[in-house]
Every structure is written in C-alpha cells, then in structure tokens.
Amino acid sequence: MTTFALIHGGGDVGWSWHLVAAALAARGHDVVAPDLPADDDALTLEDYADAVVAAVGDRRDVVVVGHSFGGFTAPIVAARLPADALVLLAGMIPTPGEPPEDWWEASGYGIAVGEQSARDGGLTGNDDPYVSFYHDVPRELADEALSRERAHPSAAAMAAPWPLAEWPDVPTRFIVCADDRFFPADFLRDLARRRLGILADEVPGGHCAMLSRPEEIAELLVSYADEVR
C-alpha cells in the first residue's frame, strides 16, 4: 500500500482531489489531501509544507503529488519526508531562489499563453474560469470547486525565494494535461525538459483533470508507485 500525499493548487482545497482519492482508495491505497492554510498573508511555502508533513504523520511508502501551484510546495515536502516519488500534475516547476511571483516571466508563461491563445481563438488564458479551468469538468463539480475558493497562496509565499538549494533527490515524474487552457501542454512539456531534464507523461483533460479524469490520474499515480518499489 502506498500513501499518496495530494497537494492542491492556488485558491483551492483538498476537496479538489476527492475523486482521485476515491479511485486510489478503491485500489487499496491510503490518501492524505489536506487543506493548506489560507487567509493569512504572513504564511510561507514552508508553512504549507508543514501542513502536509503533519497530515502524513508517520506513514511510510509516500508518493508526494502537487497540482499547479502545489508544484512549489511538493518538492519541499518530498525533501522532508522519506518520499518514494514526487509527481507534479500540471505543476509549476520552481528553481532554487526563484520567488513564485517571478516564475511567470522567468518560465516564459506569458509568451506561451499568448501564442496558444492566438491559435485557439482566445480559449487559452481566458478570464472565464469555466473556459480556462473547468471547460471539461461537469458543471456541478465546477460550480462546487469555485464555491470553495480561498485566499491561497499568501503574499509572503509569493514573494519569498523558493527555499530549496536544489531539487530533492527523489524520483520525479511530470504530467501534462493535453487540453490545459491555463498551462498549455507544450509549454509545460518544454519546461519539464528544461528545468528537470525529464520527459513528461500526458493525460487527456484540462487544467483540473483530477475532477474531469480522476480514473486516468489515479491509474498513472499507481503506476509511478509501482515503478519505484
């Protein structure tokens, strides 16, 4: 049995993983998906990592998974725990000393989104979350996700340099979502090559594929756990 520590993205809550959590549990695995602290602008990435580490407790055989902005927190957690693997799902990949607020320009995000938006008629980067984030999520689930939004991450977390001196020495996998209208798949695939030196795997679905494609996500996560055993 593997324990999957599932870390949500910006503005989100652990609920966003509930369908993947159910699929993993049905396969005999343990899951923790905490709500990271919100509504406190003094909290940092280290505080977010503290919350995940506390939720994991003394569990072993841990695979750490970060979605979107969770890509900043997940490596910190993996460096602290006896993690077997680290997985980023449509994740932001930080570099040592890079504040999250600088990531957007340093990664080339703006250029990539502008180019993709020109190709798809303005779907990518659209201001309407039902278009950019939840276009393939059942409307009832999308409505609930939006109703759960919180003030996360904090101003302090965005401004402080990413605290790790190097990427943790943990087997790392990266998943791009083929129909992502927030982080275009080609952009993230290239970022994974440039910043991590790895080839990304791909699943169908948009940025919130854990709500639209939970079975596919769970199956891939289990395959990663099996690989590192």
C-alpha atoms as a PDB file:
ATOM      1  CA  MET A   1       0.000   0.000   0.000  1.00  0.00           C
ATOM      2  CA  THR A   2       1.189   3.477  -0.927  1.00  0.00           C
ATOM      3  CA  THR A   3       0.270   6.710   0.835  1.00  0.00           C
ATOM      4  CA  PHE A   4      -0.398   9.460  -1.678  1.00  0.00           C
ATOM      5  CA  ALA A   5       0.054  12.981  -0.283  1.00  0.00           C
ATOM      6  CA  LEU A   6      -2.026  15.123  -2.634  1.00  0.00           C
ATOM      7  CA  ILE A   7      -1.304  18.868  -2.615  1.00  0.00           C
ATOM      8  CA  HIS A   8      -3.811  21.263  -4.122  1.00  0.00           C
ATOM      9  CA  GLY A   9      -3.099  24.348  -6.197  1.00  0.00           C
ATOM     10  CA  GLY A  10      -3.629  28.054  -5.663  1.00  0.00           C
ATOM     11  CA  GLY A  11      -7.024  29.126  -4.335  1.00  0.00           C
ATOM     12  CA  ASP A  12      -8.005  25.505  -3.962  1.00  0.00           C
ATOM     13  CA  VAL A  13      -8.715  22.957  -1.220  1.00  0.00           C
ATOM     14  CA  GLY A  14      -8.039  19.289  -0.621  1.00  0.00           C
ATOM     15  CA  TRP A  15     -11.562  18.552  -1.904  1.00  0.00           C
ATOM     16  CA  SER A  16     -10.266  19.089  -5.443  1.00  0.00           C
ATOM     17  CA  TRP A  17      -8.616  15.664  -5.150  1.00  0.00           C
ATOM     18  CA  HIS A  18     -11.661  13.815  -3.765  1.00  0.00           C
ATOM     19  CA  LEU A  19     -12.408  11.826  -6.930  1.00  0.00           C
ATOM     20  CA  VAL A  20      -8.773  10.790  -7.358  1.00  0.00           C
ATOM     21  CA  ALA A  21      -8.629   9.957  -3.641  1.00  0.00           C
ATOM     22  CA  ALA A  22     -11.644   7.659  -4.027  1.00  0.00           C
ATOM     23  CA  ALA A  23     -10.093   5.979  -7.056  1.00  0.00           C
ATOM     24  CA  LEU A  24      -6.827   5.425  -5.188  1.00  0.00           C
ATOM     25  CA  ALA A  25      -8.645   4.074  -2.127  1.00  0.00           C
ATOM     26  CA  ALA A  26     -10.556   1.659  -4.366  1.00  0.00           C
ATOM     27  CA  ARG A  27      -7.171   0.352  -5.495  1.00  0.00           C
ATOM     28  CA  GLY A  28      -6.133  -0.260  -1.890  1.00  0.00           C
ATOM     29  CA  HIS A  29      -4.059   2.836  -1.216  1.00  0.00           C
ATOM     30  CA  ASP A  30      -4.035   5.484   1.515  1.00  0.00           C
ATOM     31  CA  VAL A  31      -4.535   9.184   0.749  1.00  0.00           C
ATOM     32  CA  VAL A  32      -3.994  12.459   2.585  1.00  0.00           C
ATOM     33  CA  ALA A  33      -5.188  15.652   0.884  1.00  0.00           C
ATOM     34  CA  PRO A  34      -5.097  18.481   3.441  1.00  0.00           C
ATOM     35  CA  ASP A  35      -6.442  21.986   3.035  1.00  0.00           C
ATOM     36  CA  LEU A  36      -3.340  24.161   3.092  1.00  0.00           C
ATOM     37  CA  PRO A  37      -3.511  27.284   5.294  1.00  0.00           C
ATOM     38  CA  ALA A  38      -5.280  30.252   3.708  1.00  0.00           C
ATOM     39  CA  ASP A  39      -6.388  33.800   4.516  1.00  0.00           C
ATOM     40  CA  ASP A  40      -3.096  34.687   6.216  1.00  0.00           C
ATOM     41  CA  ASP A  41      -0.677  36.777   4.182  1.00  0.00           C
ATOM     42  CA  ALA A  42       2.225  36.069   6.560  1.00  0.00           C
ATOM     43  CA  LEU A  43       2.375  32.342   5.828  1.00  0.00           C
ATOM     44  CA  THR A  44       5.092  30.942   3.572  1.00  0.00           C
ATOM     45  CA  LEU A  45       5.740  27.859   1.464  1.00  0.00           C
ATOM     46  CA  GLU A  46       7.424  26.341   4.499  1.00  0.00           C
ATOM     47  CA  ASP A  47       4.147  26.695   6.422  1.00  0.00           C
ATOM     48  CA  TYR A  48       2.291  24.955   3.616  1.00  0.00           C
ATOM     49  CA  ALA A  49       4.840  22.150   3.664  1.00  0.00           C
ATOM     50  CA  ASP A  50       4.421  21.884   7.450  1.00  0.00           C
ATOM     51  CA  ALA A  51       0.690  21.246   6.958  1.00  0.00           C
ATOM     52  CA  VAL A  52       1.318  18.406   4.515  1.00  0.00           C
ATOM     53  CA  VAL A  53       4.055  16.810   6.619  1.00  0.00           C
ATOM     54  CA  ALA A  54       1.764  16.936   9.651  1.00  0.00           C
ATOM     55  CA  ALA A  55      -1.039  15.281   7.675  1.00  0.00           C
ATOM     56  CA  VAL A  56       1.272  12.478   6.524  1.00  0.00           C
ATOM     57  CA  GLY A  57       2.497  11.863  10.064  1.00  0.00           C
ATOM     58  CA  ASP A  58       4.491   8.657  10.459  1.00  0.00           C
ATOM     59  CA  ARG A  59       3.200   6.991   7.289  1.00  0.00           C
ATOM     60  CA  ARG A  60       5.759   5.389   5.016  1.00  0.00           C
ATOM     61  CA  ASP A  61       5.815   4.461   1.302  1.00  0.00           C
ATOM     62  CA  VAL A  62       4.786   8.016   0.441  1.00  0.00           C
ATOM     63  CA  VAL A  63       4.316   9.484  -3.026  1.00  0.00           C
ATOM     64  CA  VAL A  64       4.024  13.289  -2.972  1.00  0.00           C
ATOM     65  CA  VAL A  65       1.834  14.849  -5.666  1.00  0.00           C
ATOM     66  CA  GLY A  66       1.457  18.576  -6.371  1.00  0.00           C
ATOM     67  CA  HIS A  67      -1.067  20.202  -8.699  1.00  0.00           C
ATOM     68  CA  SER A  68      -0.452  23.596 -10.330  1.00  0.00           C
ATOM     69  CA  PHE A  69       0.866  25.992  -7.615  1.00  0.00           C
ATOM     70  CA  GLY A  70       1.334  22.883  -5.468  1.00  0.00           C
ATOM     71  CA  GLY A  71       4.475  22.387  -7.546  1.00  0.00           C
ATOM     72  CA  PHE A  72       6.178  24.909  -5.269  1.00  0.00           C
ATOM     73  CA  THR A  73       5.216  23.060  -2.085  1.00  0.00           C
ATOM     74  CA  ALA A  74       5.513  19.423  -3.173  1.00  0.00           C
ATOM     75  CA  PRO A  75       9.325  19.327  -3.542  1.00  0.00           C
ATOM     76  CA  ILE A  76       9.754  20.870  -0.077  1.00  0.00           C
ATOM     77  CA  VAL A  77       7.534  18.123   1.350  1.00  0.00           C
ATOM     78  CA  ALA A  78       9.392  15.423  -0.588  1.00  0.00           C
ATOM     79  CA  ALA A  79      12.703  16.709   0.764  1.00  0.00           C
ATOM     80  CA  ARG A  80      11.451  16.410   4.343  1.00  0.00           C
ATOM     81  CA  LEU A  81       9.772  13.018   4.157  1.00  0.00           C
ATOM     82  CA  PRO A  82      11.093   9.584   3.266  1.00  0.00           C
ATOM     83  CA  ALA A  83       9.268  10.001  -0.058  1.00  0.00           C
ATOM     84  CA  ASP A  84       9.453   7.281  -2.686  1.00  0.00           C
ATOM     85  CA  ALA A  85       8.481   9.580  -5.551  1.00  0.00           C
ATOM     86  CA  LEU A  86       7.474  13.134  -6.388  1.00  0.00           C
ATOM     87  CA  VAL A  87       4.835  13.872  -9.040  1.00  0.00           C
ATOM     88  CA  LEU A  88       3.734  17.202 -10.481  1.00  0.00           C
ATOM     89  CA  LEU A  89       0.365  17.381 -12.243  1.00  0.00           C
ATOM     90  CA  ALA A  90       0.273  20.469 -14.480  1.00  0.00           C
ATOM     91  CA  GLY A  91       2.653  21.838 -11.882  1.00  0.00           C
ATOM     92  CA  MET A  92       4.698  24.999 -11.652  1.00  0.00           C
ATOM     93  CA  ILE A  93       8.358  23.935 -11.586  1.00  0.00           C
ATOM     94  CA  PRO A  94      10.462  26.243  -9.384  1.00  0.00           C
ATOM     95  CA  THR A  95      14.200  26.773  -9.428  1.00  0.00           C
ATOM     96  CA  PRO A  96      16.296  27.498  -6.316  1.00  0.00           C
ATOM     97  CA  GLY A  97      15.876  31.060  -5.123  1.00  0.00           C
ATOM     98  CA  GLU A  98      13.048  31.880  -7.521  1.00  0.00           C
ATOM     99  CA  PRO A  99      10.073  33.595  -5.868  1.00  0.00           C
ATOM    100  CA  PRO A 100       6.752  32.287  -7.185  1.00  0.00           C
ATOM    101  CA  GLU A 101       5.791  35.802  -8.260  1.00  0.00           C
ATOM    102  CA  ASP A 102       8.802  35.803 -10.627  1.00  0.00           C
ATOM    103  CA  TRP A 103       8.017  32.375 -12.079  1.00  0.00           C
ATOM    104  CA  TRP A 104       5.517  33.656 -14.621  1.00  0.00           C
ATOM    105  CA  GLU A 105       8.038  35.752 -16.516  1.00  0.00           C
ATOM    106  CA  ALA A 106      11.083  33.553 -15.906  1.00  0.00           C
ATOM    107  CA  SER A 107       9.319  30.444 -17.180  1.00  0.00           C
ATOM    108  CA  GLY A 108       8.105  32.058 -20.397  1.00  0.00           C
ATOM    109  CA  TYR A 109       4.468  31.544 -19.402  1.00  0.00           C
ATOM    110  CA  GLY A 110       3.119  34.780 -20.854  1.00  0.00           C
ATOM    111  CA  ILE A 111       4.616  34.209 -24.292  1.00  0.00           C
ATOM    112  CA  ALA A 112       3.414  30.602 -24.398  1.00  0.00           C
ATOM    113  CA  VAL A 113      -0.143  31.526 -23.410  1.00  0.00           C
ATOM    114  CA  GLY A 114      -0.266  34.378 -25.917  1.00  0.00           C
ATOM    115  CA  GLU A 115       0.830  32.084 -28.739  1.00  0.00           C
ATOM    116  CA  GLN A 116      -1.633  29.343 -27.811  1.00  0.00           C
ATOM    117  CA  SER A 117      -4.459  31.843 -27.373  1.00  0.00           C
ATOM    118  CA  ALA A 118      -3.828  33.135 -30.889  1.00  0.00           C
ATOM    119  CA  ARG A 119      -4.122  29.588 -32.195  1.00  0.00           C
ATOM    120  CA  ASP A 120      -7.306  28.618 -30.343  1.00  0.00           C
ATOM    121  CA  GLY A 121      -9.258  31.836 -30.631  1.00  0.00           C
ATOM    122  CA  GLY A 122      -8.755  33.084 -27.079  1.00  0.00           C
ATOM    123  CA  LEU A 123      -9.698  29.941 -25.159  1.00  0.00           C
ATOM    124  CA  THR A 124      -6.281  29.649 -23.519  1.00  0.00           C
ATOM    125  CA  GLY A 125      -5.795  32.271 -20.825  1.00  0.00           C
ATOM    126  CA  ASN A 126      -9.469  33.199 -20.919  1.00  0.00           C
ATOM    127  CA  ASP A 127     -10.692  35.213 -17.923  1.00  0.00           C
ATOM    128  CA  ASP A 128     -13.768  32.986 -17.551  1.00  0.00           C
ATOM    129  CA  PRO A 129     -12.810  30.081 -15.248  1.00  0.00           C
ATOM    130  CA  TYR A 130     -15.438  27.874 -16.880  1.00  0.00           C
ATOM    131  CA  VAL A 131     -13.470  28.311 -20.119  1.00  0.00           C
ATOM    132  CA  SER A 132      -9.882  28.252 -18.887  1.00  0.00           C
ATOM    133  CA  PHE A 133     -10.021  25.915 -15.874  1.00  0.00           C
ATOM    134  CA  TYR A 134     -13.220  23.865 -15.880  1.00  0.00           C
ATOM    135  CA  HIS A 135     -14.196  23.544 -19.546  1.00  0.00           C
ATOM    136  CA  ASP A 136     -14.196  19.727 -19.366  1.00  0.00           C
ATOM    137  CA  VAL A 137     -15.413  19.391 -15.754  1.00  0.00           C
ATOM    138  CA  PRO A 138     -19.099  18.601 -15.144  1.00  0.00           C
ATOM    139  CA  ARG A 139     -20.821  21.908 -14.382  1.00  0.00           C
ATOM    140  CA  GLU A 140     -21.999  20.822 -10.928  1.00  0.00           C
ATOM    141  CA  LEU A 141     -18.436  19.938  -9.917  1.00  0.00           C
ATOM    142  CA  ALA A 142     -17.093  23.157 -11.440  1.00  0.00           C
ATOM    143  CA  ASP A 143     -19.649  25.193  -9.504  1.00  0.00           C
ATOM    144  CA  GLU A 144     -18.682  23.488  -6.267  1.00  0.00           C
ATOM    145  CA  ALA A 145     -14.980  23.972  -6.934  1.00  0.00           C
ATOM    146  CA  LEU A 146     -15.499  27.694  -7.459  1.00  0.00           C
ATOM    147  CA  SER A 147     -17.613  27.935  -4.301  1.00  0.00           C
ATOM    148  CA  ARG A 148     -14.694  26.541  -2.298  1.00  0.00           C
ATOM    149  CA  GLU A 149     -12.083  29.056  -3.491  1.00  0.00           C
ATOM    150  CA  ARG A 150      -9.902  30.636  -0.794  1.00  0.00           C
ATOM    151  CA  ALA A 151      -7.129  33.215  -0.452  1.00  0.00           C
ATOM    152  CA  HIS A 152      -4.173  30.913  -1.069  1.00  0.00           C
ATOM    153  CA  PRO A 153      -1.232  31.371  -1.575  1.00  0.00           C
ATOM    154  CA  SER A 154      -0.287  34.326   0.588  1.00  0.00           C
ATOM    155  CA  ALA A 155       1.609  37.440  -0.394  1.00  0.00           C
ATOM    156  CA  ALA A 156       4.560  36.196   1.673  1.00  0.00           C
ATOM    157  CA  ALA A 157       4.590  32.843  -0.083  1.00  0.00           C
ATOM    158  CA  MET A 158       4.570  34.546  -3.468  1.00  0.00           C
ATOM    159  CA  ALA A 159       7.373  36.978  -2.623  1.00  0.00           C
ATOM    160  CA  ALA A 160       9.884  34.778  -0.789  1.00  0.00           C
ATOM    161  CA  PRO A 161      12.594  32.919  -2.739  1.00  0.00           C
ATOM    162  CA  TRP A 162      11.920  29.215  -3.180  1.00  0.00           C
ATOM    163  CA  PRO A 163      13.809  27.781  -0.190  1.00  0.00           C
ATOM    164  CA  LEU A 164      15.467  24.623  -1.525  1.00  0.00           C
ATOM    165  CA  ALA A 165      19.072  24.805  -2.724  1.00  0.00           C
ATOM    166  CA  GLU A 166      18.417  22.048  -5.258  1.00  0.00           C
ATOM    167  CA  TRP A 167      15.702  19.708  -6.440  1.00  0.00           C
ATOM    168  CA  PRO A 168      15.204  16.885  -3.908  1.00  0.00           C
ATOM    169  CA  ASP A 169      16.938  13.582  -4.643  1.00  0.00           C
ATOM    170  CA  VAL A 170      13.626  11.805  -5.220  1.00  0.00           C
ATOM    171  CA  PRO A 171      12.426  10.113  -8.430  1.00  0.00           C
ATOM    172  CA  THR A 172      10.318  12.756 -10.149  1.00  0.00           C
ATOM    173  CA  ARG A 173       7.536  12.432 -12.703  1.00  0.00           C
ATOM    174  CA  PHE A 174       5.643  15.173 -14.518  1.00  0.00           C
ATOM    175  CA  ILE A 175       2.141  15.013 -16.010  1.00  0.00           C
ATOM    176  CA  VAL A 176       0.820  17.467 -18.572  1.00  0.00           C
ATOM    177  CA  CYS A 177      -2.867  17.750 -19.387  1.00  0.00           C
ATOM    178  CA  ALA A 178      -3.424  17.623 -23.143  1.00  0.00           C
ATOM    179  CA  ASP A 179      -6.305  20.109 -23.141  1.00  0.00           C
ATOM    180  CA  ASP A 180      -4.978  22.509 -20.481  1.00  0.00           C
ATOM    181  CA  ARG A 181      -6.056  26.090 -21.218  1.00  0.00           C
ATOM    182  CA  PHE A 182      -4.166  27.591 -18.285  1.00  0.00           C
ATOM    183  CA  PHE A 183      -0.749  25.960 -18.668  1.00  0.00           C
ATOM    184  CA  PRO A 184      -0.524  24.846 -22.314  1.00  0.00           C
ATOM    185  CA  ALA A 185       0.730  21.278 -22.648  1.00  0.00           C
ATOM    186  CA  ASP A 186       3.600  22.180 -24.999  1.00  0.00           C
ATOM    187  CA  PHE A 187       4.776  24.887 -22.602  1.00  0.00           C
ATOM    188  CA  LEU A 188       4.838  22.546 -19.591  1.00  0.00           C
ATOM    189  CA  ARG A 189       6.409  19.729 -21.569  1.00  0.00           C
ATOM    190  CA  ASP A 190       9.243  22.055 -22.581  1.00  0.00           C
ATOM    191  CA  LEU A 191       9.554  23.402 -19.014  1.00  0.00           C
ATOM    192  CA  ALA A 192       9.900  19.876 -17.633  1.00  0.00           C
ATOM    193  CA  ARG A 193      12.724  19.206 -20.085  1.00  0.00           C
ATOM    194  CA  ARG A 194      14.485  22.493 -19.355  1.00  0.00           C
ATOM    195  CA  ARG A 195      14.142  22.598 -15.589  1.00  0.00           C
ATOM    196  CA  LEU A 196      14.035  18.920 -14.604  1.00  0.00           C
ATOM    197  CA  GLY A 197      15.562  17.136 -17.586  1.00  0.00           C
ATOM    198  CA  ILE A 198      12.634  14.728 -17.796  1.00  0.00           C
ATOM    199  CA  LEU A 199      10.068  13.768 -20.413  1.00  0.00           C
ATOM    200  CA  ALA A 200       6.533  14.436 -19.255  1.00  0.00           C
ATOM    201  CA  ASP A 201       3.677  11.975 -19.442  1.00  0.00           C
ATOM    202  CA  GLU A 202       0.351  13.164 -20.811  1.00  0.00           C
ATOM    203  CA  VAL A 203      -3.269  12.608 -19.846  1.00  0.00           C
ATOM    204  CA  PRO A 204      -6.382  13.908 -21.583  1.00  0.00           C
ATOM    205  CA  GLY A 205      -8.252  16.723 -19.902  1.00  0.00           C
ATOM    206  CA  GLY A 206      -7.909  20.330 -18.888  1.00  0.00           C
ATOM    207  CA  HIS A 207      -6.070  22.006 -16.035  1.00  0.00           C
ATOM    208  CA  CYS A 208      -8.324  20.405 -13.419  1.00  0.00           C
ATOM    209  CA  ALA A 209      -8.038  16.872 -14.784  1.00  0.00           C
ATOM    210  CA  MET A 210      -8.315  15.461 -11.262  1.00  0.00           C
ATOM    211  CA  LEU A 211     -12.008  16.452 -11.492  1.00  0.00           C
ATOM    212  CA  SER A 212     -12.568  15.513 -15.137  1.00  0.00           C
ATOM    213  CA  ARG A 213     -10.268  12.472 -15.480  1.00  0.00           C
ATOM    214  CA  PRO A 214      -9.806  11.045 -11.969  1.00  0.00           C
ATOM    215  CA  GLU A 215      -9.503   7.407 -13.018  1.00  0.00           C
ATOM    216  CA  GLU A 216      -6.741   8.185 -15.530  1.00  0.00           C
ATOM    217  CA  ILE A 217      -4.866  10.263 -12.947  1.00  0.00           C
ATOM    218  CA  ALA A 218      -5.190   7.555 -10.276  1.00  0.00           C
ATOM    219  CA  GLU A 219      -4.013   4.848 -12.665  1.00  0.00           C
ATOM    220  CA  LEU A 220      -0.923   6.862 -13.601  1.00  0.00           C
ATOM    221  CA  LEU A 221      -0.091   7.645  -9.967  1.00  0.00           C
ATOM    222  CA  VAL A 222      -0.325   3.973  -9.038  1.00  0.00           C
ATOM    223  CA  SER A 223       1.949   3.080 -11.951  1.00  0.00           C
ATOM    224  CA  TYR A 224       4.559   5.520 -10.648  1.00  0.00           C
ATOM    225  CA  ALA A 225       4.362   3.991  -7.169  1.00  0.00           C
ATOM    226  CA  ASP A 226       4.816   0.530  -8.676  1.00  0.00           C
ATOM    227  CA  GLU A 227       7.842   1.708 -10.676  1.00  0.00           C
ATOM    228  CA  VAL A 228       9.772   2.934  -7.649  1.00  0.00           C
ATOM    229  CA  ARG A 229       9.087  -0.084  -5.460  1.00  0.00           C
END
